[in-house]
């Protein structure tokens, strides 16, 4: 198999995937933000049940428990 497969305009497919990933990253952030803001109450309740110190904040909880 060739190392680099070329598509139209001689853009390597690998590079095209990179640009697509960049574009998708923004969409994923938007989706995550929507999900999180919709479930904010559930998340805070979860934090209280897990006795997560409030100073850690929601970001920490999302990193450790959710994502």
Protein backbone atom coordinates (compact mmCIF):
# COMPACT_ATOMS: atom_id res chain seq x y z
CA UNK A 1 0.00 0.00 0.00
CA UNK A 2 1.26 3.48 -0.78
CA UNK A 3 2.10 5.65 2.18
CA UNK A 4 0.10 8.61 0.92
CA UNK A 5 -3.04 8.34 -1.18
CA UNK A 6 -3.80 11.45 -3.21
CA UNK A 7 -7.26 12.76 -3.87
CA UNK A 8 -8.41 15.64 -6.06
CA UNK A 9 -6.09 18.67 -6.23
CA UNK A 10 -3.25 16.47 -4.95
CA UNK A 11 -4.26 16.95 -1.31
CA UNK A 12 -3.18 13.87 0.63
CA UNK A 13 -6.16 12.14 2.21
CA UNK A 14 -4.44 12.22 5.61
CA UNK A 15 -4.34 16.03 5.50
CA UNK A 16 -7.96 16.20 4.44
CA UNK A 17 -8.86 14.18 7.50
CA UNK A 18 -7.01 16.65 9.68
CA UNK A 19 -9.05 19.57 8.38
CA UNK A 20 -12.26 17.59 8.82
CA UNK A 21 -11.26 16.79 12.39
CA UNK A 22 -10.71 20.47 13.08
CA UNK A 23 -14.14 21.27 11.70
CA UNK A 24 -15.77 18.50 13.70
CA UNK A 25 -14.05 19.47 16.94
CA UNK A 26 -16.06 22.69 17.04
CA UNK A 27 -19.29 20.80 16.42
CA UNK A 28 -18.49 18.30 19.17
CA UNK A 29 -17.83 21.17 21.59
CA UNK A 30 -21.20 22.70 20.72
CA UNK A 31 -22.96 19.38 21.20
CA UNK A 32 -21.22 18.72 24.52
CA UNK A 33 -22.04 22.23 25.72
CA UNK A 34 -25.70 21.72 24.84
CA UNK A 35 -25.84 18.37 26.61
CA UNK A 36 -24.07 19.73 29.68
CA UNK A 37 -26.21 22.85 29.97
CA UNK A 38 -29.35 20.74 29.55
CA UNK A 39 -28.23 18.37 32.32
CA UNK A 40 -26.70 20.95 34.62
CA UNK A 41 -29.14 20.19 37.43
CA UNK A 42 -28.44 16.46 37.22
CA UNK A 43 -24.72 17.11 37.23
CA UNK A 44 -24.89 19.30 40.34
CA UNK A 45 -27.05 16.71 42.11
CA UNK A 46 -24.52 14.06 41.12
CA UNK A 47 -21.73 16.22 42.54
CA UNK A 48 -23.54 16.53 45.86
CA UNK A 49 -24.16 12.78 46.04
CA UNK A 50 -20.53 11.99 45.24
CA UNK A 51 -19.50 14.63 47.81
CA UNK A 52 -17.31 16.37 45.26
CA UNK A 53 -15.87 19.57 46.76
CA UNK A 54 -17.59 22.47 45.07
CA UNK A 55 -14.32 24.32 44.47
CA UNK A 56 -13.30 21.59 42.02
CA UNK A 57 -16.04 22.85 39.79
CA UNK A 58 -18.03 21.19 37.07
CA UNK A 59 -15.10 20.99 34.63
CA UNK A 60 -13.19 18.70 36.98
CA UNK A 61 -16.25 16.52 37.51
CA UNK A 62 -16.83 16.22 33.78
CA UNK A 63 -13.20 15.26 33.20
CA UNK A 64 -13.03 12.71 36.01
CA UNK A 65 -16.48 11.19 36.17
CA UNK A 66 -18.19 11.78 32.84
CA UNK A 67 -15.72 11.98 29.96
